[in-house]
Amino acid sequence: MKKFVVLCFVLQPLFSCYQPKRNCVDFKNGEYRFDYEINGEPKTGRFMRNDQYSVEYYDSKIDSATVKWVNDCEFILQDIKTKTSVHMKILSTTSNSYTFEYGLVGQTKKNKGTAIKIK
């Protein structure tokens, strides 16, 4: 039993110190695609984002929002028409994609997604 406890103390720093790669600045601007589902049917959308605006193209619709960066890895999208706000947080990045968490501002329910940089 003592060996097990010692092993846990030795291995614990190896697992608790892991931080996913987050080069968020690389993904502030650009054109992206993302996959999503509606009623079990897979779909693909795309969006373009710059320092001030995000324009989404999905399911034969176009949606525009303002972008307000909280820090390098978090921003708020506010729909221009409805004024609905969505909090976005980049969790990890690769060379051409990022995994993010999002949810309506003020609500605890979060969803996850992945955006792949096109340009």
PDB file of N, CA and C in Angstrom:
ATOM      1  N   MET A   1       0.817  -1.188   0.000  1.00  0.00           N
ATOM      2  CA  MET A   1       0.000   0.000   0.000  1.00  0.00           C
ATOM      3  C   MET A   1       0.869   1.263   0.000  1.00  0.00           C
ATOM      4  N   LYS A   2       1.962   1.239   0.759  1.00  0.00           N
ATOM      5  CA  LYS A   2       2.844   2.406   0.811  1.00  0.00           C
ATOM      6  C   LYS A   2       3.459   2.680  -0.558  1.00  0.00           C
ATOM      7  N   LYS A   3       3.783   1.608  -1.286  1.00  0.00           N
ATOM      8  CA  LYS A   3       4.354   1.777  -2.619  1.00  0.00           C
ATOM      9  C   LYS A   3       3.356   2.452  -3.555  1.00  0.00           C
ATOM     10  N   PHE A   4       2.096   2.101  -3.426  1.00  0.00           N
ATOM     11  CA  PHE A   4       1.047   2.692  -4.254  1.00  0.00           C
ATOM     12  C   PHE A   4       0.916   4.187  -3.968  1.00  0.00           C
ATOM     13  N   VAL A   5       0.925   4.568  -2.713  1.00  0.00           N
ATOM     14  CA  VAL A   5       0.813   5.975  -2.322  1.00  0.00           C
ATOM     15  C   VAL A   5       2.014   6.768  -2.849  1.00  0.00           C
ATOM     16  N   VAL A   6       3.202   6.199  -2.709  1.00  0.00           N
ATOM     17  CA  VAL A   6       4.406   6.868  -3.207  1.00  0.00           C
ATOM     18  C   VAL A   6       4.325   7.007  -4.726  1.00  0.00           C
ATOM     19  N   LEU A   7       3.872   5.969  -5.416  1.00  0.00           N
ATOM     20  CA  LEU A   7       3.732   6.010  -6.864  1.00  0.00           C
ATOM     21  C   LEU A   7       2.754   7.108  -7.286  1.00  0.00           C
ATOM     22  N   CYS A   8       1.662   7.249  -6.560  1.00  0.00           N
ATOM     23  CA  CYS A   8       0.684   8.301  -6.863  1.00  0.00           C
ATOM     24  C   CYS A   8       1.304   9.685  -6.735  1.00  0.00           C
ATOM     25  N   PHE A   9       2.088   9.910  -5.698  1.00  0.00           N
ATOM     26  CA  PHE A   9       2.731  11.207  -5.512  1.00  0.00           C
ATOM     27  C   PHE A   9       3.766  11.490  -6.599  1.00  0.00           C
ATOM     28  N   VAL A  10       4.433  10.445  -7.068  1.00  0.00           N
ATOM     29  CA  VAL A  10       5.450  10.611  -8.103  1.00  0.00           C
ATOM     30  C   VAL A  10       4.793  10.889  -9.460  1.00  0.00           C
ATOM     31  N   LEU A  11       3.717  10.186  -9.781  1.00  0.00           N
ATOM     32  CA  LEU A  11       3.081  10.324 -11.084  1.00  0.00           C
ATOM     33  C   LEU A  11       2.128  11.518 -11.172  1.00  0.00           C
ATOM     34  N   GLN A  12       1.612  11.982 -10.072  1.00  0.00           N
ATOM     35  CA  GLN A  12       0.623  13.058 -10.061  1.00  0.00           C
ATOM     36  C   GLN A  12       1.099  14.324 -10.772  1.00  0.00           C
ATOM     37  N   PRO A  13       2.310  14.782 -10.571  1.00  0.00           N
ATOM     38  CA  PRO A  13       2.749  15.989 -11.289  1.00  0.00           C
ATOM     39  C   PRO A  13       2.790  15.817 -12.808  1.00  0.00           C
ATOM     40  N   LEU A  14       3.026  14.597 -13.270  1.00  0.00           N
ATOM     41  CA  LEU A  14       3.063  14.365 -14.710  1.00  0.00           C
ATOM     42  C   LEU A  14       1.702  14.566 -15.355  1.00  0.00           C
ATOM     43  N   PHE A  15       0.637  14.227 -14.661  1.00  0.00           N
ATOM     44  CA  PHE A  15      -0.702  14.320 -15.217  1.00  0.00           C
ATOM     45  C   PHE A  15      -1.378  15.646 -14.906  1.00  0.00           C
ATOM     46  N   SER A  16      -1.094  16.239 -13.791  1.00  0.00           N
ATOM     47  CA  SER A  16      -1.781  17.471 -13.407  1.00  0.00           C
ATOM     48  C   SER A  16      -1.192  18.703 -14.081  1.00  0.00           C
ATOM     49  N   CYS A  17      -0.012  18.624 -14.626  1.00  0.00           N
ATOM     50  CA  CYS A  17       0.634  19.784 -15.230  1.00  0.00           C
ATOM     51  C   CYS A  17       0.372  19.895 -16.731  1.00  0.00           C
ATOM     52  N   TYR A  18      -0.332  18.940 -17.324  1.00  0.00           N
ATOM     53  CA  TYR A  18      -0.575  18.983 -18.752  1.00  0.00           C
ATOM     54  C   TYR A  18      -1.479  20.161 -19.102  1.00  0.00           C
ATOM     55  N   GLN A  19      -1.033  20.995 -20.001  1.00  0.00           N
ATOM     56  CA  GLN A  19      -1.816  22.107 -20.505  1.00  0.00           C
ATOM     57  C   GLN A  19      -1.915  21.949 -22.024  1.00  0.00           C
ATOM     58  N   PRO A  20      -3.139  21.980 -22.568  1.00  0.00           N
ATOM     59  CA  PRO A  20      -3.244  21.872 -24.019  1.00  0.00           C
ATOM     60  C   PRO A  20      -2.615  23.084 -24.701  1.00  0.00           C
ATOM     61  N   LYS A  21      -2.165  22.871 -25.923  1.00  0.00           N
ATOM     62  CA  LYS A  21      -1.550  23.943 -26.703  1.00  0.00           C
ATOM     63  C   LYS A  21      -2.626  24.962 -27.056  1.00  0.00           C
ATOM     64  N   ARG A  22      -2.341  26.252 -26.806  1.00  0.00           N
ATOM     65  CA  ARG A  22      -3.310  27.314 -27.105  1.00  0.00           C
ATOM     66  C   ARG A  22      -2.599  28.521 -27.717  1.00  0.00           C
ATOM     67  N   ASN A  23      -2.461  28.513 -29.033  1.00  0.00           N
ATOM     68  CA  ASN A  23      -1.950  29.674 -29.763  1.00  0.00           C
ATOM     69  C   ASN A  23      -3.156  30.426 -30.318  1.00  0.00           C
ATOM     70  N   CYS A  24      -3.929  31.016 -29.432  1.00  0.00           N
ATOM     71  CA  CYS A  24      -5.206  31.628 -29.795  1.00  0.00           C
ATOM     72  C   CYS A  24      -5.064  32.793 -30.763  1.00  0.00           C
ATOM     73  N   VAL A  25      -3.998  33.559 -30.645  1.00  0.00           N
ATOM     74  CA  VAL A  25      -3.809  34.739 -31.500  1.00  0.00           C
ATOM     75  C   VAL A  25      -3.813  34.343 -32.973  1.00  0.00           C
ATOM     76  N   ASP A  26      -3.336  33.140 -33.284  1.00  0.00           N
ATOM     77  CA  ASP A  26      -3.306  32.658 -34.667  1.00  0.00           C
ATOM     78  C   ASP A  26      -4.703  32.491 -35.253  1.00  0.00           C
ATOM     79  N   PHE A  27      -5.730  32.476 -34.408  1.00  0.00           N
ATOM     80  CA  PHE A  27      -7.098  32.195 -34.856  1.00  0.00           C
ATOM     81  C   PHE A  27      -8.063  33.356 -34.641  1.00  0.00           C
ATOM     82  N   LYS A  28      -7.540  34.542 -34.391  1.00  0.00           N
ATOM     83  CA  LYS A  28      -8.425  35.704 -34.197  1.00  0.00           C
ATOM     84  C   LYS A  28      -9.108  36.101 -35.500  1.00  0.00           C
ATOM     85  N   ASN A  29      -8.414  36.039 -36.601  1.00  0.00           N
ATOM     86  CA  ASN A  29      -8.954  36.434 -37.897  1.00  0.00           C
ATOM     87  C   ASN A  29      -8.810  35.285 -38.874  1.00  0.00           C
ATOM     88  N   GLY A  30      -9.720  35.221 -39.850  1.00  0.00           N
ATOM     89  CA  GLY A  30      -9.599  34.215 -40.885  1.00  0.00           C
ATOM     90  C   GLY A  30     -10.935  33.664 -41.327  1.00  0.00           C
ATOM     91  N   GLU A  31     -10.853  32.659 -42.196  1.00  0.00           N
ATOM     92  CA  GLU A  31     -12.033  31.955 -42.686  1.00  0.00           C
ATOM     93  C   GLU A  31     -11.948  30.517 -42.196  1.00  0.00           C
ATOM     94  N   TYR A  32     -13.067  29.998 -41.697  1.00  0.00           N
ATOM     95  CA  TYR A  32     -13.103  28.693 -41.043  1.00  0.00           C
ATOM     96  C   TYR A  32     -14.291  27.883 -41.527  1.00  0.00           C
ATOM     97  N   ARG A  33     -14.199  26.579 -41.351  1.00  0.00           N
ATOM     98  CA  ARG A  33     -15.350  25.695 -41.571  1.00  0.00           C
ATOM     99  C   ARG A  33     -15.580  24.906 -40.294  1.00  0.00           C
ATOM    100  N   PHE A  34     -16.816  24.486 -40.093  1.00  0.00           N
ATOM    101  CA  PHE A  34     -17.145  23.692 -38.918  1.00  0.00           C
ATOM    102  C   PHE A  34     -18.253  22.717 -39.276  1.00  0.00           C
ATOM    103  N   ASP A  35     -18.274  21.591 -38.606  1.00  0.00           N
ATOM    104  CA  ASP A  35     -19.292  20.565 -38.813  1.00  0.00           C
ATOM    105  C   ASP A  35     -20.268  20.609 -37.647  1.00  0.00           C
ATOM    106  N   TYR A  36     -21.534  20.377 -37.945  1.00  0.00           N
ATOM    107  CA  TYR A  36     -22.562  20.364 -36.909  1.00  0.00           C
ATOM    108  C   TYR A  36     -23.689  19.436 -37.351  1.00  0.00           C
ATOM    109  N   GLU A  37     -24.614  19.176 -36.460  1.00  0.00           N
ATOM    110  CA  GLU A  37     -25.739  18.291 -36.753  1.00  0.00           C
ATOM    111  C   GLU A  37     -27.051  18.999 -36.455  1.00  0.00           C
ATOM    112  N   ILE A  38     -28.050  18.746 -37.307  1.00  0.00           N
ATOM    113  CA  ILE A  38     -29.413  19.185 -37.047  1.00  0.00           C
ATOM    114  C   ILE A  38     -30.299  17.972 -37.239  1.00  0.00           C
ATOM    115  N   ASN A  39     -30.992  17.580 -36.167  1.00  0.00           N
ATOM    116  CA  ASN A  39     -31.854  16.396 -36.179  1.00  0.00           C
ATOM    117  C   ASN A  39     -31.117  15.161 -36.681  1.00  0.00           C
ATOM    118  N   GLY A  40     -29.862  15.005 -36.253  1.00  0.00           N
ATOM    119  CA  GLY A  40     -29.064  13.838 -36.610  1.00  0.00           C
ATOM    120  C   GLY A  40     -28.448  13.900 -37.998  1.00  0.00           C
ATOM    121  N   GLU A  41     -28.722  14.956 -38.745  1.00  0.00           N
ATOM    122  CA  GLU A  41     -28.175  15.090 -40.090  1.00  0.00           C
ATOM    123  C   GLU A  41     -26.902  15.937 -40.053  1.00  0.00           C
ATOM    124  N   PRO A  42     -25.762  15.383 -40.489  1.00  0.00           N
ATOM    125  CA  PRO A  42     -24.515  16.152 -40.469  1.00  0.00           C
ATOM    126  C   PRO A  42     -24.530  17.271 -41.503  1.00  0.00           C
ATOM    127  N   LYS A  43     -24.018  18.417 -41.106  1.00  0.00           N
ATOM    128  CA  LYS A  43     -23.949  19.584 -41.983  1.00  0.00           C
ATOM    129  C   LYS A  43     -22.608  20.267 -41.799  1.00  0.00           C
ATOM    130  N   THR A  44     -22.248  21.098 -42.763  1.00  0.00           N
ATOM    131  CA  THR A  44     -21.016  21.870 -42.689  1.00  0.00           C
ATOM    132  C   THR A  44     -21.351  23.338 -42.905  1.00  0.00           C
ATOM    133  N   GLY A  45     -20.778  24.187 -42.084  1.00  0.00           N
ATOM    134  CA  GLY A  45     -20.939  25.630 -42.225  1.00  0.00           C
ATOM    135  C   GLY A  45     -19.572  26.268 -42.323  1.00  0.00           C
ATOM    136  N   ARG A  46     -19.563  27.564 -42.550  1.00  0.00           N
ATOM    137  CA  ARG A  46     -18.298  28.278 -42.551  1.00  0.00           C
ATOM    138  C   ARG A  46     -18.531  29.679 -42.006  1.00  0.00           C
ATOM    139  N   PHE A  47     -17.469  30.303 -41.560  1.00  0.00           N
ATOM    140  CA  PHE A  47     -17.575  31.675 -41.084  1.00  0.00           C
ATOM    141  C   PHE A  47     -16.271  32.406 -41.329  1.00  0.00           C
ATOM    142  N   MET A  48     -16.385  33.714 -41.420  1.00  0.00           N
ATOM    143  CA  MET A  48     -15.232  34.601 -41.572  1.00  0.00           C
ATOM    144  C   MET A  48     -15.252  35.553 -40.389  1.00  0.00           C
ATOM    145  N   ARG A  49     -14.080  35.754 -39.785  1.00  0.00           N
ATOM    146  CA  ARG A  49     -13.999  36.624 -38.613  1.00  0.00           C
ATOM    147  C   ARG A  49     -12.821  37.571 -38.756  1.00  0.00           C
ATOM    148  N   ASN A  50     -13.057  38.839 -38.394  1.00  0.00           N
ATOM    149  CA  ASN A  50     -11.962  39.798 -38.277  1.00  0.00           C
ATOM    150  C   ASN A  50     -12.022  40.388 -36.865  1.00  0.00           C
ATOM    151  N   ASP A  51     -11.313  41.458 -36.629  1.00  0.00           N
ATOM    152  CA  ASP A  51     -11.255  42.021 -35.273  1.00  0.00           C
ATOM    153  C   ASP A  51     -12.599  42.505 -34.755  1.00  0.00           C
ATOM    154  N   GLN A  52     -13.526  42.853 -35.656  1.00  0.00           N
ATOM    155  CA  GLN A  52     -14.791  43.442 -35.216  1.00  0.00           C
ATOM    156  C   GLN A  52     -16.031  42.614 -35.528  1.00  0.00           C
ATOM    157  N   TYR A  53     -15.998  41.806 -36.597  1.00  0.00           N
ATOM    158  CA  TYR A  53     -17.204  41.113 -37.043  1.00  0.00           C
ATOM    159  C   TYR A  53     -16.948  39.644 -37.359  1.00  0.00           C
ATOM    160  N   SER A  54     -18.045  38.880 -37.246  1.00  0.00           N
ATOM    161  CA  SER A  54     -18.044  37.482 -37.654  1.00  0.00           C
ATOM    162  C   SER A  54     -19.275  37.271 -38.532  1.00  0.00           C
ATOM    163  N   VAL A  55     -19.084  36.673 -39.702  1.00  0.00           N
ATOM    164  CA  VAL A  55     -20.183  36.385 -40.616  1.00  0.00           C
ATOM    165  C   VAL A  55     -20.223  34.875 -40.804  1.00  0.00           C
ATOM    166  N   GLU A  56     -21.375  34.262 -40.467  1.00  0.00           N
ATOM    167  CA  GLU A  56     -21.542  32.811 -40.561  1.00  0.00           C
ATOM    168  C   GLU A  56     -22.442  32.452 -41.729  1.00  0.00           C
ATOM    169  N   TYR A  57     -22.055  31.391 -42.441  1.00  0.00           N
ATOM    170  CA  TYR A  57     -22.835  30.838 -43.530  1.00  0.00           C
ATOM    171  C   TYR A  57     -23.154  29.397 -43.147  1.00  0.00           C
ATOM    172  N   TYR A  58     -24.434  29.109 -42.891  1.00  0.00           N
ATOM    173  CA  TYR A  58     -24.822  27.760 -42.481  1.00  0.00           C
ATOM    174  C   TYR A  58     -26.262  27.489 -42.877  1.00  0.00           C
ATOM    175  N   ASP A  59     -26.538  26.289 -43.290  1.00  0.00           N
ATOM    176  CA  ASP A  59     -27.896  25.834 -43.611  1.00  0.00           C
ATOM    177  C   ASP A  59     -28.627  26.833 -44.505  1.00  0.00           C
ATOM    178  N   SER A  60     -27.947  27.328 -45.536  1.00  0.00           N
ATOM    179  CA  SER A  60     -28.489  28.303 -46.484  1.00  0.00           C
ATOM    180  C   SER A  60     -28.871  29.634 -45.837  1.00  0.00           C
ATOM    181  N   LYS A  61     -28.231  29.990 -44.739  1.00  0.00           N
ATOM    182  CA  LYS A  61     -28.494  31.246 -44.042  1.00  0.00           C
ATOM    183  C   LYS A  61     -27.189  32.005 -43.835  1.00  0.00           C
ATOM    184  N   ILE A  62     -27.312  33.310 -43.652  1.00  0.00           N
ATOM    185  CA  ILE A  62     -26.171  34.158 -43.320  1.00  0.00           C
ATOM    186  C   ILE A  62     -26.503  34.875 -42.024  1.00  0.00           C
ATOM    187  N   ASP A  63     -25.568  34.863 -41.087  1.00  0.00           N
ATOM    188  CA  ASP A  63     -25.763  35.504 -39.791  1.00  0.00           C
ATOM    189  C   ASP A  63     -24.531  36.342 -39.475  1.00  0.00           C
ATOM    190  N   SER A  64     -24.735  37.536 -38.962  1.00  0.00           N
ATOM    191  CA  SER A  64     -23.622  38.432 -38.640  1.00  0.00           C
ATOM    192  C   SER A  64     -23.635  38.784 -37.167  1.00  0.00           C
ATOM    193  N   ALA A  65     -22.435  38.951 -36.612  1.00  0.00           N
ATOM    194  CA  ALA A  65     -22.303  39.294 -35.194  1.00  0.00           C
ATOM    195  C   ALA A  65     -21.094  40.207 -35.002  1.00  0.00           C
ATOM    196  N   THR A  66     -21.160  40.999 -33.953  1.00  0.00           N
ATOM    197  CA  THR A  66     -19.979  41.761 -33.570  1.00  0.00           C
ATOM    198  C   THR A  66     -19.107  40.866 -32.705  1.00  0.00           C
ATOM    199  N   VAL A  67     -17.806  41.146 -32.702  1.00  0.00           N
ATOM    200  CA  VAL A  67     -16.846  40.366 -31.924  1.00  0.00           C
ATOM    201  C   VAL A  67     -16.200  41.287 -30.901  1.00  0.00           C
ATOM    202  N   LYS A  68     -16.221  40.880 -29.637  1.00  0.00           N
ATOM    203  CA  LYS A  68     -15.530  41.618 -28.573  1.00  0.00           C
ATOM    204  C   LYS A  68     -14.631  40.639 -27.845  1.00  0.00           C
ATOM    205  N   TRP A  69     -13.320  40.832 -27.973  1.00  0.00           N
ATOM    206  CA  TRP A  69     -12.351  39.936 -27.350  1.00  0.00           C
ATOM    207  C   TRP A  69     -12.203  40.279 -25.878  1.00  0.00           C
ATOM    208  N   VAL A  70     -12.353  39.261 -25.014  1.00  0.00           N
ATOM    209  CA  VAL A  70     -12.169  39.398 -23.569  1.00  0.00           C
ATOM    210  C   VAL A  70     -10.686  39.264 -23.245  1.00  0.00           C
ATOM    211  N   ASN A  71     -10.040  38.285 -23.872  1.00  0.00           N
ATOM    212  CA  ASN A  71      -8.591  38.074 -23.794  1.00  0.00           C
ATOM    213  C   ASN A  71      -8.193  37.335 -25.068  1.00  0.00           C
ATOM    214  N   ASP A  72      -6.963  36.881 -25.167  1.00  0.00           N
ATOM    215  CA  ASP A  72      -6.506  36.229 -26.407  1.00  0.00           C
ATOM    216  C   ASP A  72      -7.281  34.966 -26.761  1.00  0.00           C
ATOM    217  N   CYS A  73      -7.901  34.307 -25.778  1.00  0.00           N
ATOM    218  CA  CYS A  73      -8.582  33.033 -26.029  1.00  0.00           C
ATOM    219  C   CYS A  73     -10.093  33.064 -25.791  1.00  0.00           C
ATOM    220  N   GLU A  74     -10.651  34.207 -25.452  1.00  0.00           N
ATOM    221  CA  GLU A  74     -12.090  34.294 -25.204  1.00  0.00           C
ATOM    222  C   GLU A  74     -12.679  35.539 -25.851  1.00  0.00           C
ATOM    223  N   PHE A  75     -13.882  35.358 -26.410  1.00  0.00           N
ATOM    224  CA  PHE A  75     -14.554  36.505 -27.010  1.00  0.00           C
ATOM    225  C   PHE A  75     -16.064  36.330 -26.912  1.00  0.00           C
ATOM    226  N   ILE A  76     -16.762  37.444 -27.097  1.00  0.00           N
ATOM    227  CA  ILE A  76     -18.219  37.460 -27.067  1.00  0.00           C
ATOM    228  C   ILE A  76     -18.703  37.799 -28.473  1.00  0.00           C
ATOM    229  N   LEU A  77     -19.606  36.978 -28.999  1.00  0.00           N
ATOM    230  CA  LEU A  77     -20.282  37.271 -30.257  1.00  0.00           C
ATOM    231  C   LEU A  77     -21.662  37.811 -29.919  1.00  0.00           C
ATOM    232  N   GLN A  78     -22.013  38.977 -30.463  1.00  0.00           N
ATOM    233  CA  GLN A  78     -23.361  39.507 -30.259  1.00  0.00           C
ATOM    234  C   GLN A  78     -24.032  39.611 -31.617  1.00  0.00           C
ATOM    235  N   ASP A  79     -25.121  38.837 -31.790  1.00  0.00           N
ATOM    236  CA  ASP A  79     -25.857  38.829 -33.039  1.00  0.00           C
ATOM    237  C   ASP A  79     -26.358  40.239 -33.334  1.00  0.00           C
ATOM    238  N   ILE A  80     -26.143  40.704 -34.551  1.00  0.00           N
ATOM    239  CA  ILE A  80     -26.514  42.066 -34.908  1.00  0.00           C
ATOM    240  C   ILE A  80     -28.030  42.254 -34.907  1.00  0.00           C
ATOM    241  N   LYS A  81     -28.793  41.256 -35.359  1.00  0.00           N
ATOM    242  CA  LYS A  81     -30.256  41.382 -35.431  1.00  0.00           C
ATOM    243  C   LYS A  81     -30.927  41.171 -34.076  1.00  0.00           C
ATOM    244  N   THR A  82     -30.596  40.078 -33.413  1.00  0.00           N
ATOM    245  CA  THR A  82     -31.319  39.700 -32.190  1.00  0.00           C
ATOM    246  C   THR A  82     -30.677  40.203 -30.908  1.00  0.00           C
ATOM    247  N   LYS A  83     -29.418  40.647 -30.991  1.00  0.00           N
ATOM    248  CA  LYS A  83     -28.638  41.099 -29.827  1.00  0.00           C
ATOM    249  C   LYS A  83     -28.329  39.967 -28.850  1.00  0.00           C
ATOM    250  N   THR A  84     -28.564  38.714 -29.241  1.00  0.00           N
ATOM    251  CA  THR A  84     -28.210  37.558 -28.419  1.00  0.00           C
ATOM    252  C   THR A  84     -26.688  37.463 -28.344  1.00  0.00           C
ATOM    253  N   SER A  85     -26.151  37.214 -27.151  1.00  0.00           N
ATOM    254  CA  SER A  85     -24.705  37.134 -26.962  1.00  0.00           C
ATOM    255  C   SER A  85     -24.276  35.716 -26.632  1.00  0.00           C
ATOM    256  N   VAL A  86     -23.182  35.285 -27.261  1.00  0.00           N
ATOM    257  CA  VAL A  86     -22.617  33.957 -27.056  1.00  0.00           C
ATOM    258  C   VAL A  86     -21.167  34.114 -26.617  1.00  0.00           C
ATOM    259  N   HIS A  87     -20.828  33.458 -25.515  1.00  0.00           N
ATOM    260  CA  HIS A  87     -19.451  33.473 -25.015  1.00  0.00           C
ATOM    261  C   HIS A  87     -18.702  32.311 -25.663  1.00  0.00           C
ATOM    262  N   MET A  88     -17.553  32.611 -26.282  1.00  0.00           N
ATOM    263  CA  MET A  88     -16.730  31.607 -26.948  1.00  0.00           C
ATOM    264  C   MET A  88     -15.381  31.540 -26.242  1.00  0.00           C
ATOM    265  N   LYS A  89     -14.892  30.326 -26.026  1.00  0.00           N
ATOM    266  CA  LYS A  89     -13.592  30.137 -25.386  1.00  0.00           C
ATOM    267  C   LYS A  89     -12.818  29.085 -26.165  1.00  0.00           C
ATOM    268  N   ILE A  90     -11.616  29.457 -26.625  1.00  0.00           N
ATOM    269  CA  ILE A  90     -10.748  28.513 -27.326  1.00  0.00           C
ATOM    270  C   ILE A  90     -10.044  27.659 -26.278  1.00  0.00           C
ATOM    271  N   LEU A  91     -10.254  26.342 -26.357  1.00  0.00           N
ATOM    272  CA  LEU A  91      -9.697  25.408 -25.371  1.00  0.00           C
ATOM    273  C   LEU A  91      -8.331  24.874 -25.777  1.00  0.00           C
ATOM    274  N   SER A  92      -8.159  24.585 -27.067  1.00  0.00           N
ATOM    275  CA  SER A  92      -6.883  24.057 -27.553  1.00  0.00           C
ATOM    276  C   SER A  92      -6.756  24.372 -29.032  1.00  0.00           C
ATOM    277  N   THR A  93      -5.523  24.366 -29.526  1.00  0.00           N
ATOM    278  CA  THR A  93      -5.272  24.652 -30.934  1.00  0.00           C
ATOM    279  C   THR A  93      -4.322  23.624 -31.529  1.00  0.00           C
ATOM    280  N   THR A  94      -4.404  23.499 -32.842  1.00  0.00           N
ATOM    281  CA  THR A  94      -3.422  22.745 -33.612  1.00  0.00           C
ATOM    282  C   THR A  94      -2.874  23.727 -34.654  1.00  0.00           C
ATOM    283  N   SER A  95      -2.153  23.251 -35.624  1.00  0.00           N
ATOM    284  CA  SER A  95      -1.610  24.160 -36.634  1.00  0.00           C
ATOM    285  C   SER A  95      -2.700  24.784 -37.507  1.00  0.00           C
ATOM    286  N   ASN A  96      -3.837  24.081 -37.699  1.00  0.00           N
ATOM    287  CA  ASN A  96      -4.877  24.620 -38.576  1.00  0.00           C
ATOM    288  C   ASN A  96      -6.297  24.555 -37.996  1.00  0.00           C
ATOM    289  N   SER A  97      -6.437  24.278 -36.707  1.00  0.00           N
ATOM    290  CA  SER A  97      -7.780  24.200 -36.129  1.00  0.00           C
ATOM    291  C   SER A  97      -7.760  24.565 -34.648  1.00  0.00           C
ATOM    292  N   TYR A  98      -8.957  24.794 -34.129  1.00  0.00           N
ATOM    293  CA  TYR A  98      -9.075  24.997 -32.689  1.00  0.00           C
ATOM    294  C   TYR A  98     -10.359  24.375 -32.174  1.00  0.00           C
ATOM    295  N   THR A  99     -10.292  23.883 -30.954  1.00  0.00           N
ATOM    296  CA  THR A  99     -11.452  23.348 -30.266  1.00  0.00           C
ATOM    297  C   THR A  99     -11.950  24.435 -29.331  1.00  0.00           C
ATOM    298  N   PHE A 100     -13.253  24.627 -29.323  1.00  0.00           N
ATOM    299  CA  PHE A 100     -13.809  25.708 -28.533  1.00  0.00           C
ATOM    300  C   PHE A 100     -15.025  25.253 -27.739  1.00  0.00           C
ATOM    301  N   GLU A 101     -15.348  26.056 -26.746  1.00  0.00           N
ATOM    302  CA  GLU A 101     -16.516  25.852 -25.897  1.00  0.00           C
ATOM    303  C   GLU A 101     -17.366  27.109 -26.054  1.00  0.00           C
ATOM    304  N   TYR A 102     -18.678  26.939 -26.129  1.00  0.00           N
ATOM    305  CA  TYR A 102     -19.534  28.099 -26.304  1.00  0.00           C
ATOM    306  C   TYR A 102     -20.875  27.918 -25.593  1.00  0.00           C
ATOM    307  N   GLY A 103     -21.488  29.038 -25.273  1.00  0.00           N
ATOM    308  CA  GLY A 103     -22.789  29.024 -24.630  1.00  0.00           C
ATOM    309  C   GLY A 103     -23.328  30.444 -24.541  1.00  0.00           C
ATOM    310  N   LEU A 104     -24.629  30.557 -24.362  1.00  0.00           N
ATOM    311  CA  LEU A 104     -25.235  31.875 -24.218  1.00  0.00           C
ATOM    312  C   LEU A 104     -24.688  32.564 -22.979  1.00  0.00           C
ATOM    313  N   VAL A 105     -24.431  33.848 -23.090  1.00  0.00           N
ATOM    314  CA  VAL A 105     -23.929  34.615 -21.951  1.00  0.00           C
ATOM    315  C   VAL A 105     -24.958  34.537 -20.826  1.00  0.00           C
ATOM    316  N   GLY A 106     -24.497  34.231 -19.628  1.00  0.00           N
ATOM    317  CA  GLY A 106     -25.373  34.139 -18.463  1.00  0.00           C
ATOM    318  C   GLY A 106     -25.927  32.755 -18.195  1.00  0.00           C
ATOM    319  N   GLN A 107     -25.694  31.820 -19.088  1.00  0.00           N
ATOM    320  CA  GLN A 107     -26.174  30.453 -18.877  1.00  0.00           C
ATOM    321  C   GLN A 107     -24.983  29.525 -18.660  1.00  0.00           C
ATOM    322  N   THR A 108     -25.211  28.456 -17.906  1.00  0.00           N
ATOM    323  CA  THR A 108     -24.117  27.534 -17.586  1.00  0.00           C
ATOM    324  C   THR A 108     -23.949  26.420 -18.615  1.00  0.00           C
ATOM    325  N   LYS A 109     -24.972  26.139 -19.426  1.00  0.00           N
ATOM    326  CA  LYS A 109     -24.876  25.068 -20.411  1.00  0.00           C
ATOM    327  C   LYS A 109     -23.849  25.443 -21.483  1.00  0.00           C
ATOM    328  N   LYS A 110     -22.892  24.557 -21.703  1.00  0.00           N
ATOM    329  CA  LYS A 110     -21.830  24.786 -22.688  1.00  0.00           C
ATOM    330  C   LYS A 110     -21.838  23.662 -23.715  1.00  0.00           C
ATOM    331  N   ASN A 111     -21.470  24.004 -24.918  1.00  0.00           N
ATOM    332  CA  ASN A 111     -21.308  23.045 -25.996  1.00  0.00           C
ATOM    333  C   ASN A 111     -19.872  23.153 -26.502  1.00  0.00           C
ATOM    334  N   LYS A 112     -19.422  22.134 -27.213  1.00  0.00           N
ATOM    335  CA  LYS A 112     -18.071  22.154 -27.766  1.00  0.00           C
ATOM    336  C   LYS A 112     -18.129  21.971 -29.272  1.00  0.00           C
ATOM    337  N   GLY A 113     -17.097  22.487 -29.922  1.00  0.00           N
ATOM    338  CA  GLY A 113     -16.989  22.344 -31.361  1.00  0.00           C
ATOM    339  C   GLY A 113     -15.546  22.491 -31.794  1.00  0.00           C
ATOM    340  N   THR A 114     -15.326  22.265 -33.081  1.00  0.00           N
ATOM    341  CA  THR A 114     -13.998  22.428 -33.662  1.00  0.00           C
ATOM    342  C   THR A 114     -14.138  23.229 -34.942  1.00  0.00           C
ATOM    343  N   ALA A 115     -13.283  24.237 -35.082  1.00  0.00           N
ATOM    344  CA  ALA A 115     -13.243  25.057 -36.295  1.00  0.00           C
ATOM    345  C   ALA A 115     -11.930  24.787 -37.004  1.00  0.00           C
ATOM    346  N   ILE A 116     -11.987  24.626 -38.316  1.00  0.00           N
ATOM    347  CA  ILE A 116     -10.801  24.345 -39.129  1.00  0.00           C
ATOM    348  C   ILE A 116     -10.541  25.564 -40.009  1.00  0.00           C
ATOM    349  N   LYS A 117      -9.330  26.079 -39.925  1.00  0.00           N
ATOM    350  CA  LYS A 117      -8.981  27.295 -40.676  1.00  0.00           C
ATOM    351  C   LYS A 117      -8.814  26.970 -42.150  1.00  0.00           C
ATOM    352  N   ILE A 118      -9.526  27.737 -42.992  1.00  0.00           N
ATOM    353  CA  ILE A 118      -9.459  27.583 -44.441  1.00  0.00           C
ATOM    354  C   ILE A 118      -8.452  28.575 -45.011  1.00  0.00           C
ATOM    355  N   LYS A 119      -8.532  29.822 -44.532  1.00  0.00           N
ATOM    356  CA  LYS A 119      -7.632  30.897 -45.012  1.00  0.00           C
ATOM    357  C   LYS A 119      -7.154  31.716 -43.841  1.00  0.00           C
TER     358      LYS A 119
END
